[in-house]
N, C-alpha and C. Protein backbone atom coordinates (compact mmCIF):
# COMPACT_ATOMS: atom_id res chain seq x y z
N UNK A 1 0.83 -1.19 0.00
CA UNK A 1 0.00 0.00 0.00
C UNK A 1 0.88 1.25 0.00
N UNK A 2 0.54 2.22 -0.84
CA UNK A 2 1.33 3.43 -0.94
C UNK A 2 0.98 4.39 0.18
N UNK A 3 1.99 5.12 0.63
CA UNK A 3 1.76 6.16 1.62
C UNK A 3 1.46 7.45 0.89
N UNK A 4 0.43 8.15 1.31
CA UNK A 4 0.08 9.42 0.71
C UNK A 4 0.92 10.50 1.36
N UNK A 5 1.64 11.25 0.55
CA UNK A 5 2.50 12.31 1.06
C UNK A 5 1.65 13.46 1.59
N UNK A 6 2.19 14.21 2.58
CA UNK A 6 1.44 15.33 3.15
C UNK A 6 0.95 16.33 2.12
N UNK A 7 1.71 16.57 1.03
CA UNK A 7 1.26 17.55 0.05
C UNK A 7 -0.04 17.10 -0.62
N UNK A 8 -0.22 15.77 -0.80
CA UNK A 8 -1.47 15.30 -1.36
C UNK A 8 -2.63 15.58 -0.39
N UNK A 9 -2.36 15.44 0.89
CA UNK A 9 -3.40 15.76 1.87
C UNK A 9 -3.73 17.24 1.84
N UNK A 10 -2.70 18.08 1.69
CA UNK A 10 -2.93 19.52 1.59
C UNK A 10 -3.75 19.83 0.35
N UNK A 11 -3.38 19.21 -0.77
CA UNK A 11 -4.12 19.45 -2.00
C UNK A 11 -5.56 18.97 -1.88
N UNK A 12 -5.76 17.81 -1.27
CA UNK A 12 -7.12 17.32 -1.09
C UNK A 12 -7.90 18.25 -0.16
N UNK A 13 -7.23 18.76 0.88
CA UNK A 13 -7.87 19.74 1.76
C UNK A 13 -8.25 20.99 0.99
N UNK A 14 -7.38 21.38 0.07
CA UNK A 14 -7.69 22.55 -0.76
C UNK A 14 -8.93 22.28 -1.60
N UNK A 15 -9.01 21.10 -2.17
CA UNK A 15 -10.18 20.74 -2.95
C UNK A 15 -11.42 20.80 -2.07
N UNK A 16 -11.33 20.17 -0.91
CA UNK A 16 -12.48 20.15 -0.01
C UNK A 16 -12.87 21.56 0.40
N UNK A 17 -11.89 22.40 0.70
CA UNK A 17 -12.21 23.74 1.13
C UNK A 17 -12.79 24.56 -0.01
N UNK A 18 -12.28 24.38 -1.23
CA UNK A 18 -12.82 25.12 -2.36
C UNK A 18 -14.29 24.77 -2.58
N UNK A 19 -14.60 23.47 -2.63
CA UNK A 19 -15.97 23.08 -2.87
C UNK A 19 -16.85 23.23 -1.64
N UNK A 20 -16.31 22.94 -0.48
CA UNK A 20 -17.12 23.00 0.72
C UNK A 20 -17.44 24.42 1.12
N UNK A 21 -16.50 25.33 0.93
CA UNK A 21 -16.75 26.68 1.39
C UNK A 21 -17.52 27.51 0.38
N UNK A 22 -17.70 27.00 -0.83
CA UNK A 22 -18.47 27.70 -1.83
C UNK A 22 -19.58 26.79 -2.33
N UNK A 23 -20.67 26.71 -1.57
CA UNK A 23 -21.70 25.72 -1.86
C UNK A 23 -22.49 26.02 -3.13
N UNK A 24 -23.19 24.99 -3.61
CA UNK A 24 -24.02 25.14 -4.79
C UNK A 24 -25.27 25.94 -4.48
N UNK A 25 -25.58 26.13 -3.23
CA UNK A 25 -26.71 26.96 -2.85
C UNK A 25 -26.19 28.08 -1.95
N UNK A 26 -26.87 29.21 -1.99
CA UNK A 26 -26.44 30.34 -1.18
C UNK A 26 -27.54 30.68 -0.19
N UNK A 27 -27.13 30.96 1.02
CA UNK A 27 -28.08 31.40 2.03
C UNK A 27 -28.45 32.86 1.82
N UNK A 28 -27.69 33.56 1.04
CA UNK A 28 -27.81 34.99 0.85
C UNK A 28 -28.03 35.24 -0.64
N UNK A 29 -29.09 35.94 -1.01
CA UNK A 29 -29.39 36.18 -2.43
C UNK A 29 -28.26 36.90 -3.15
N UNK A 30 -27.46 37.68 -2.43
CA UNK A 30 -26.34 38.39 -3.07
C UNK A 30 -25.29 37.42 -3.59
N UNK A 31 -25.34 36.16 -3.16
CA UNK A 31 -24.33 35.17 -3.54
C UNK A 31 -24.74 34.29 -4.72
N UNK A 32 -25.91 34.55 -5.31
CA UNK A 32 -26.36 33.71 -6.41
C UNK A 32 -25.36 33.63 -7.56
N UNK A 33 -24.75 34.72 -8.02
CA UNK A 33 -23.77 34.57 -9.12
C UNK A 33 -22.58 33.68 -8.74
N UNK A 34 -22.15 33.74 -7.50
CA UNK A 34 -21.02 32.92 -7.05
C UNK A 34 -21.45 31.45 -6.96
N UNK A 35 -22.57 31.19 -6.36
CA UNK A 35 -23.02 29.80 -6.23
C UNK A 35 -23.35 29.20 -7.60
N UNK A 36 -23.89 30.02 -8.52
CA UNK A 36 -24.14 29.53 -9.88
C UNK A 36 -22.83 29.16 -10.57
N UNK A 37 -21.77 29.95 -10.37
CA UNK A 37 -20.47 29.67 -10.97
C UNK A 37 -19.89 28.36 -10.43
N UNK A 38 -20.05 28.12 -9.14
CA UNK A 38 -19.53 26.89 -8.54
C UNK A 38 -20.30 25.68 -9.07
N UNK A 39 -21.62 25.81 -9.20
CA UNK A 39 -22.41 24.70 -9.74
C UNK A 39 -22.02 24.42 -11.19
N UNK A 40 -21.79 25.47 -11.97
CA UNK A 40 -21.38 25.29 -13.37
C UNK A 40 -19.99 24.65 -13.44
N UNK A 41 -19.10 25.06 -12.54
CA UNK A 41 -17.76 24.48 -12.50
C UNK A 41 -17.81 22.98 -12.24
N UNK A 42 -18.74 22.53 -11.40
CA UNK A 42 -18.86 21.10 -11.08
C UNK A 42 -19.25 20.28 -12.30
N UNK A 43 -19.83 20.94 -13.32
CA UNK A 43 -20.26 20.24 -14.54
C UNK A 43 -19.31 20.47 -15.72
N UNK A 44 -18.16 21.11 -15.45
CA UNK A 44 -17.25 21.51 -16.53
C UNK A 44 -15.84 21.00 -16.25
N UNK A 45 -15.19 20.34 -17.20
CA UNK A 45 -13.80 19.93 -16.98
C UNK A 45 -12.91 21.17 -16.78
N UNK A 46 -11.95 21.06 -15.86
CA UNK A 46 -11.04 22.18 -15.63
C UNK A 46 -9.67 21.70 -15.17
N UNK A 47 -8.71 22.61 -15.30
CA UNK A 47 -7.35 22.40 -14.83
C UNK A 47 -7.08 23.53 -13.83
N UNK A 48 -6.66 23.16 -12.64
CA UNK A 48 -6.46 24.12 -11.57
C UNK A 48 -5.03 24.04 -11.07
N UNK A 49 -4.42 25.19 -10.88
CA UNK A 49 -3.10 25.27 -10.25
C UNK A 49 -3.21 26.25 -9.10
N UNK A 50 -2.51 25.97 -8.02
CA UNK A 50 -2.60 26.87 -6.89
C UNK A 50 -1.64 26.52 -5.78
N UNK A 51 -1.80 27.27 -4.70
CA UNK A 51 -1.02 27.03 -3.49
C UNK A 51 -1.93 27.06 -2.28
N UNK A 52 -1.54 26.26 -1.27
CA UNK A 52 -2.15 26.31 0.05
C UNK A 52 -1.01 26.62 1.01
N UNK A 53 -1.10 27.77 1.67
CA UNK A 53 -0.03 28.23 2.56
C UNK A 53 1.33 28.15 1.87
N UNK A 54 1.36 28.55 0.59
CA UNK A 54 2.60 28.59 -0.17
C UNK A 54 3.03 27.27 -0.79
N UNK A 55 2.36 26.18 -0.47
CA UNK A 55 2.73 24.87 -1.03
C UNK A 55 1.91 24.62 -2.30
N UNK A 56 2.59 24.32 -3.42
CA UNK A 56 1.87 24.18 -4.69
C UNK A 56 1.08 22.88 -4.79
N UNK A 57 0.01 22.94 -5.56
CA UNK A 57 -0.75 21.75 -5.92
C UNK A 57 -1.37 21.99 -7.29
N UNK A 58 -1.83 20.92 -7.88
CA UNK A 58 -2.46 20.98 -9.18
C UNK A 58 -3.62 19.99 -9.19
N UNK A 59 -4.71 20.35 -9.86
CA UNK A 59 -5.85 19.46 -9.99
C UNK A 59 -6.34 19.48 -11.43
N UNK A 60 -6.76 18.33 -11.88
CA UNK A 60 -7.44 18.22 -13.17
C UNK A 60 -8.74 17.48 -12.90
N UNK A 61 -9.84 18.06 -13.35
CA UNK A 61 -11.16 17.49 -13.14
C UNK A 61 -11.80 17.26 -14.51
N UNK A 62 -12.18 16.02 -14.80
CA UNK A 62 -12.74 15.67 -16.11
C UNK A 62 -14.26 15.48 -16.08
N UNK A 63 -14.88 15.69 -14.97
CA UNK A 63 -16.30 15.46 -14.64
C UNK A 63 -16.60 14.00 -14.34
N UNK A 64 -15.62 13.13 -14.49
CA UNK A 64 -15.78 11.75 -14.03
C UNK A 64 -14.65 11.35 -13.09
N UNK A 65 -13.56 12.09 -13.15
CA UNK A 65 -12.39 11.78 -12.34
C UNK A 65 -11.70 13.06 -11.92
N UNK A 66 -11.22 13.08 -10.68
CA UNK A 66 -10.43 14.19 -10.16
C UNK A 66 -9.01 13.68 -9.98
N UNK A 67 -8.04 14.41 -10.51
CA UNK A 67 -6.63 14.09 -10.37
C UNK A 67 -5.99 15.21 -9.55
N UNK A 68 -5.27 14.84 -8.49
CA UNK A 68 -4.57 15.81 -7.66
C UNK A 68 -3.09 15.53 -7.80
N UNK A 69 -2.32 16.57 -8.19
CA UNK A 69 -0.92 16.34 -8.49
C UNK A 69 0.03 17.25 -7.76
N UNK A 70 1.27 16.75 -7.62
CA UNK A 70 2.37 17.52 -7.06
C UNK A 70 3.67 16.88 -7.50
N UNK A 71 4.58 17.69 -8.00
CA UNK A 71 5.90 17.21 -8.43
C UNK A 71 5.82 16.02 -9.39
N UNK A 72 4.88 16.07 -10.33
CA UNK A 72 4.78 15.02 -11.32
C UNK A 72 4.06 13.76 -10.87
N UNK A 73 3.64 13.69 -9.63
CA UNK A 73 2.90 12.53 -9.11
C UNK A 73 1.42 12.90 -9.02
N UNK A 74 0.57 11.96 -9.39
CA UNK A 74 -0.87 12.22 -9.44
C UNK A 74 -1.64 11.19 -8.63
N UNK A 75 -2.63 11.67 -7.90
CA UNK A 75 -3.58 10.83 -7.19
C UNK A 75 -4.90 10.91 -7.94
N UNK A 76 -5.46 9.76 -8.28
CA UNK A 76 -6.69 9.68 -9.07
C UNK A 76 -7.85 9.29 -8.16
N UNK A 77 -8.95 10.06 -8.22
CA UNK A 77 -10.15 9.73 -7.45
C UNK A 77 -11.37 9.92 -8.35
N UNK A 78 -12.35 9.04 -8.25
CA UNK A 78 -13.58 9.26 -9.01
C UNK A 78 -14.34 10.45 -8.43
N UNK A 79 -14.87 11.30 -9.28
CA UNK A 79 -15.65 12.45 -8.81
C UNK A 79 -16.55 12.94 -9.93
N UNK A 80 -17.82 12.58 -9.86
CA UNK A 80 -18.79 13.07 -10.84
C UNK A 80 -19.31 14.43 -10.38
N UNK A 81 -19.96 15.19 -11.26
CA UNK A 81 -20.55 16.44 -10.81
C UNK A 81 -21.51 16.25 -9.63
N UNK A 82 -22.28 15.16 -9.65
CA UNK A 82 -23.19 14.89 -8.54
C UNK A 82 -22.40 14.67 -7.24
N UNK A 83 -21.29 13.94 -7.31
CA UNK A 83 -20.45 13.72 -6.12
C UNK A 83 -19.97 15.05 -5.55
N UNK A 84 -19.52 15.92 -6.44
CA UNK A 84 -18.98 17.22 -6.01
C UNK A 84 -20.07 18.04 -5.33
N UNK A 85 -21.24 18.12 -5.95
CA UNK A 85 -22.32 18.92 -5.37
C UNK A 85 -22.85 18.29 -4.08
N UNK A 86 -22.92 16.96 -4.01
CA UNK A 86 -23.35 16.29 -2.78
C UNK A 86 -22.37 16.57 -1.65
N UNK A 87 -21.07 16.56 -1.94
CA UNK A 87 -20.06 16.84 -0.91
C UNK A 87 -20.23 18.25 -0.37
N UNK A 88 -20.58 19.19 -1.24
CA UNK A 88 -20.81 20.56 -0.79
C UNK A 88 -21.96 20.61 0.21
N UNK A 89 -23.04 19.94 -0.12
CA UNK A 89 -24.23 19.98 0.75
C UNK A 89 -23.97 19.30 2.10
N UNK A 90 -23.17 18.22 2.09
CA UNK A 90 -22.92 17.46 3.31
C UNK A 90 -22.07 18.21 4.34
N UNK A 91 -21.37 19.24 3.92
CA UNK A 91 -20.52 19.98 4.85
C UNK A 91 -21.30 21.00 5.68
N UNK A 92 -22.56 21.23 5.35
CA UNK A 92 -23.32 22.25 6.07
C UNK A 92 -22.79 23.64 5.77
N UNK A 93 -22.40 23.87 4.53
CA UNK A 93 -21.79 25.14 4.13
C UNK A 93 -22.81 26.23 3.92
N UNK A 94 -22.35 27.45 4.14
CA UNK A 94 -23.16 28.60 3.77
C UNK A 94 -22.25 29.67 3.20
N UNK A 95 -22.81 30.48 2.38
CA UNK A 95 -22.12 31.55 1.69
C UNK A 95 -22.92 32.81 1.93
N UNK A 96 -22.26 33.88 2.36
CA UNK A 96 -23.00 35.10 2.67
C UNK A 96 -22.18 36.34 2.36
N UNK A 97 -22.85 37.46 2.42
CA UNK A 97 -22.23 38.78 2.27
C UNK A 97 -21.42 38.91 0.98
N UNK A 98 -21.95 38.42 -0.11
CA UNK A 98 -21.25 38.54 -1.40
C UNK A 98 -21.41 39.95 -1.93
N UNK A 99 -20.31 40.48 -2.43
CA UNK A 99 -20.31 41.85 -2.95
C UNK A 99 -19.46 41.89 -4.21
N UNK A 100 -19.91 42.63 -5.20
CA UNK A 100 -19.08 42.88 -6.37
C UNK A 100 -18.02 43.89 -5.96
N UNK A 101 -16.76 43.54 -6.18
CA UNK A 101 -15.65 44.41 -5.79
C UNK A 101 -15.15 45.27 -6.96
N UNK A 102 -14.97 44.62 -8.13
CA UNK A 102 -14.39 45.31 -9.28
C UNK A 102 -14.43 44.36 -10.47
N UNK A 103 -13.98 44.85 -11.62
CA UNK A 103 -13.76 43.98 -12.77
C UNK A 103 -12.26 44.02 -13.09
N UNK A 104 -11.76 42.89 -13.58
CA UNK A 104 -10.35 42.75 -13.94
C UNK A 104 -10.25 41.82 -15.12
N UNK A 105 -9.06 41.79 -15.70
CA UNK A 105 -8.77 40.83 -16.76
C UNK A 105 -7.83 39.77 -16.20
N UNK A 106 -8.24 38.50 -16.34
CA UNK A 106 -7.44 37.36 -15.90
C UNK A 106 -7.15 36.51 -17.13
N UNK A 107 -5.88 36.33 -17.44
CA UNK A 107 -5.48 35.53 -18.60
C UNK A 107 -6.25 35.92 -19.86
N UNK A 108 -6.41 37.22 -20.07
CA UNK A 108 -7.08 37.73 -21.26
C UNK A 108 -8.59 37.69 -21.21
N UNK A 109 -9.17 37.27 -20.08
CA UNK A 109 -10.62 37.20 -19.95
C UNK A 109 -11.11 38.23 -18.94
N UNK A 110 -12.17 38.92 -19.29
CA UNK A 110 -12.77 39.89 -18.38
C UNK A 110 -13.49 39.13 -17.27
N UNK A 111 -13.31 39.56 -16.03
CA UNK A 111 -13.91 38.87 -14.88
C UNK A 111 -14.46 39.87 -13.88
N UNK A 112 -15.54 39.48 -13.24
CA UNK A 112 -16.08 40.25 -12.11
C UNK A 112 -15.54 39.61 -10.84
N UNK A 113 -15.01 40.45 -9.95
CA UNK A 113 -14.43 39.96 -8.70
C UNK A 113 -15.47 40.14 -7.60
N UNK A 114 -15.79 39.03 -6.93
CA UNK A 114 -16.73 39.04 -5.81
C UNK A 114 -15.96 38.78 -4.52
N UNK A 115 -16.42 39.39 -3.43
CA UNK A 115 -15.95 39.04 -2.09
C UNK A 115 -17.08 38.26 -1.44
N UNK A 116 -16.72 37.25 -0.64
CA UNK A 116 -17.74 36.42 0.01
C UNK A 116 -17.21 35.93 1.35
N UNK A 117 -18.14 35.70 2.26
CA UNK A 117 -17.82 35.07 3.54
C UNK A 117 -18.36 33.65 3.49
N UNK A 118 -17.58 32.70 3.99
CA UNK A 118 -17.98 31.29 3.98
C UNK A 118 -18.01 30.74 5.40
N UNK A 119 -18.87 29.77 5.60
CA UNK A 119 -19.00 29.11 6.89
C UNK A 119 -19.29 27.64 6.63
N UNK A 120 -18.59 26.74 7.33
CA UNK A 120 -18.89 25.32 7.23
C UNK A 120 -19.09 24.76 8.64
N UNK A 121 -19.89 23.71 8.73
CA UNK A 121 -20.10 23.08 10.03
C UNK A 121 -19.34 21.77 10.15
N UNK A 122 -18.98 21.17 9.01
CA UNK A 122 -18.28 19.88 9.05
C UNK A 122 -17.23 19.84 7.95
N UNK A 123 -15.99 20.17 8.22
CA UNK A 123 -15.44 20.57 9.51
C UNK A 123 -15.81 22.01 9.83
N UNK A 124 -15.76 22.34 11.11
CA UNK A 124 -16.11 23.68 11.55
C UNK A 124 -15.08 24.68 11.05
N UNK A 125 -15.56 25.70 10.37
CA UNK A 125 -14.63 26.70 9.87
C UNK A 125 -15.34 27.87 9.23
N UNK A 126 -14.55 28.90 8.97
CA UNK A 126 -15.07 30.07 8.28
C UNK A 126 -13.93 30.74 7.56
N UNK A 127 -14.29 31.60 6.63
CA UNK A 127 -13.26 32.29 5.90
C UNK A 127 -13.83 33.37 5.01
N UNK A 128 -12.92 34.05 4.36
CA UNK A 128 -13.28 35.09 3.41
C UNK A 128 -12.56 34.81 2.10
N UNK A 129 -13.25 35.05 1.02
CA UNK A 129 -12.70 34.73 -0.29
C UNK A 129 -12.97 35.84 -1.28
N UNK A 130 -12.11 35.93 -2.27
CA UNK A 130 -12.37 36.71 -3.46
C UNK A 130 -12.45 35.72 -4.60
N UNK A 131 -13.47 35.88 -5.45
CA UNK A 131 -13.73 34.94 -6.52
C UNK A 131 -13.86 35.72 -7.83
N UNK A 132 -13.06 35.36 -8.82
CA UNK A 132 -13.09 35.99 -10.14
C UNK A 132 -13.98 35.14 -11.03
N UNK A 133 -15.08 35.69 -11.53
CA UNK A 133 -16.00 34.95 -12.39
C UNK A 133 -15.99 35.58 -13.78
N UNK A 134 -15.69 34.75 -14.78
CA UNK A 134 -15.60 35.22 -16.16
C UNK A 134 -16.98 35.43 -16.78
N UNK A 135 -16.98 36.06 -17.96
CA UNK A 135 -18.22 36.32 -18.68
C UNK A 135 -18.95 35.03 -19.03
N UNK A 136 -18.22 33.91 -19.09
CA UNK A 136 -18.82 32.62 -19.40
C UNK A 136 -19.48 31.99 -18.16
N UNK A 137 -19.42 32.68 -17.02
CA UNK A 137 -20.05 32.18 -15.79
C UNK A 137 -19.21 31.20 -15.01
N UNK A 138 -17.94 31.01 -15.39
CA UNK A 138 -17.06 30.07 -14.70
C UNK A 138 -16.03 30.81 -13.85
N UNK A 139 -15.65 30.17 -12.76
CA UNK A 139 -14.63 30.73 -11.86
C UNK A 139 -13.27 30.66 -12.56
N UNK A 140 -12.56 31.79 -12.55
CA UNK A 140 -11.23 31.86 -13.16
C UNK A 140 -10.13 31.88 -12.10
N UNK A 141 -10.46 32.38 -10.92
CA UNK A 141 -9.46 32.51 -9.86
C UNK A 141 -10.18 32.63 -8.53
N UNK A 142 -9.56 32.10 -7.48
CA UNK A 142 -10.03 32.34 -6.11
C UNK A 142 -8.82 32.58 -5.21
N UNK A 143 -9.01 33.46 -4.26
CA UNK A 143 -8.03 33.69 -3.20
C UNK A 143 -8.83 33.68 -1.91
N UNK A 144 -8.42 32.82 -0.97
CA UNK A 144 -9.20 32.73 0.27
C UNK A 144 -8.29 32.59 1.48
N UNK A 145 -8.80 33.09 2.58
CA UNK A 145 -8.19 32.91 3.90
C UNK A 145 -9.25 32.29 4.78
N UNK A 146 -8.92 31.12 5.34
CA UNK A 146 -9.90 30.38 6.13
C UNK A 146 -9.27 29.90 7.42
N UNK A 147 -10.13 29.66 8.38
CA UNK A 147 -9.75 29.04 9.64
C UNK A 147 -10.66 27.83 9.79
N UNK A 148 -10.06 26.63 9.77
CA UNK A 148 -10.82 25.39 9.88
C UNK A 148 -10.28 24.59 11.05
N UNK A 149 -11.13 24.42 12.05
CA UNK A 149 -10.77 23.67 13.25
C UNK A 149 -9.41 24.11 13.81
N UNK A 150 -9.24 25.43 13.91
CA UNK A 150 -8.03 25.99 14.52
C UNK A 150 -6.83 26.13 13.60
N UNK A 151 -6.95 25.70 12.36
CA UNK A 151 -5.84 25.79 11.41
C UNK A 151 -6.14 26.86 10.37
N UNK A 152 -5.17 27.75 10.14
CA UNK A 152 -5.33 28.80 9.14
C UNK A 152 -4.81 28.30 7.80
N UNK A 153 -5.50 28.70 6.74
CA UNK A 153 -5.08 28.32 5.40
C UNK A 153 -5.29 29.50 4.46
N UNK A 154 -4.26 29.81 3.69
CA UNK A 154 -4.36 30.80 2.62
C UNK A 154 -4.26 30.03 1.31
N UNK A 155 -5.27 30.17 0.47
CA UNK A 155 -5.32 29.44 -0.79
C UNK A 155 -5.39 30.44 -1.94
N UNK A 156 -4.59 30.20 -2.96
CA UNK A 156 -4.58 31.03 -4.16
C UNK A 156 -4.65 30.08 -5.36
N UNK A 157 -5.69 30.20 -6.17
CA UNK A 157 -5.98 29.20 -7.20
C UNK A 157 -6.32 29.89 -8.52
N UNK A 158 -5.85 29.30 -9.63
CA UNK A 158 -6.25 29.72 -10.98
C UNK A 158 -6.83 28.51 -11.69
N UNK A 159 -7.86 28.74 -12.50
CA UNK A 159 -8.52 27.66 -13.23
C UNK A 159 -8.55 27.98 -14.72
N UNK A 160 -8.35 26.94 -15.53
CA UNK A 160 -8.51 27.05 -16.98
C UNK A 160 -9.42 25.91 -17.44
N UNK A 161 -10.04 26.11 -18.59
CA UNK A 161 -11.06 25.18 -19.05
C UNK A 161 -10.81 24.63 -20.45
N UNK A 162 -9.75 25.06 -21.12
CA UNK A 162 -9.48 24.62 -22.48
C UNK A 162 -8.61 23.37 -22.50
N UNK A 163 -8.94 22.44 -23.39
CA UNK A 163 -8.12 21.23 -23.62
C UNK A 163 -7.79 20.46 -22.35
N UNK A 164 -8.75 20.27 -21.49
CA UNK A 164 -8.53 19.55 -20.23
C UNK A 164 -8.48 18.06 -20.53
N UNK A 165 -7.39 17.43 -20.11
CA UNK A 165 -7.21 15.99 -20.31
C UNK A 165 -6.57 15.39 -19.06
N UNK A 166 -6.85 14.12 -18.85
CA UNK A 166 -6.24 13.41 -17.72
C UNK A 166 -4.72 13.43 -17.86
N UNK A 167 -4.00 13.55 -16.75
CA UNK A 167 -2.54 13.53 -16.82
C UNK A 167 -2.04 12.14 -17.22
N UNK A 168 -0.99 12.10 -18.02
CA UNK A 168 -0.46 10.83 -18.50
C UNK A 168 0.07 9.94 -17.38
N UNK A 169 0.58 10.57 -16.32
CA UNK A 169 1.23 9.81 -15.23
C UNK A 169 0.27 9.49 -14.08
N UNK A 170 -1.03 9.59 -14.28
CA UNK A 170 -1.99 9.36 -13.18
C UNK A 170 -2.01 7.90 -12.76
N UNK A 171 -2.17 7.68 -11.46
CA UNK A 171 -2.24 6.33 -10.89
C UNK A 171 -3.63 6.00 -10.46
C-alpha cells in the first residue's frame, strides 16, 4: 500500500475547502452569481493550479475523475458532478455577504471579482474569499483565507477550461 505524502493531503484539503466553502446553494441572495459559478464548474472539466499556505498543488477534473498532483505525481479519485455537489451539501456550508468588488482581466478574460464570507459546520470553519467569475459564468481565480478547526489556510488558485485531459502519469 502506498503512503500518501502530506502535500497530497494539503491538495485534497484545498479541494475540499474550495468546494465545501463555496456551496451550490447560497443562504444569501447576493451570492447567487457565485453559487451559480460553482455549480457550473462542477459540470465543466477544468485544470487548476494553486497554493495552500505557499505549497503548490495541481488538480485536473474531467467530470468523471479528479486528479490531484504535485511534483509530477498524481492521485486519481472518481468524482462526478453529482459527487462534487453532494459533498458541498454534506458539509453544512453557507455563503453570505457577497459583494461585487471590481472587474479585472485574468489571462485575457474579463472577470467580475466578488468578495464572500464562507462558513462550514463539518469541519467547523469560516473564511473570506475573493472569486473571479468570467463572462462565461465560470470561476477563473479564487483567493481565500480560512480558519478550519483551529488551522489557518491561505489558498490562491487559478482555473482554466481549455483542452482539459487526464494527466499521462496518473495512478
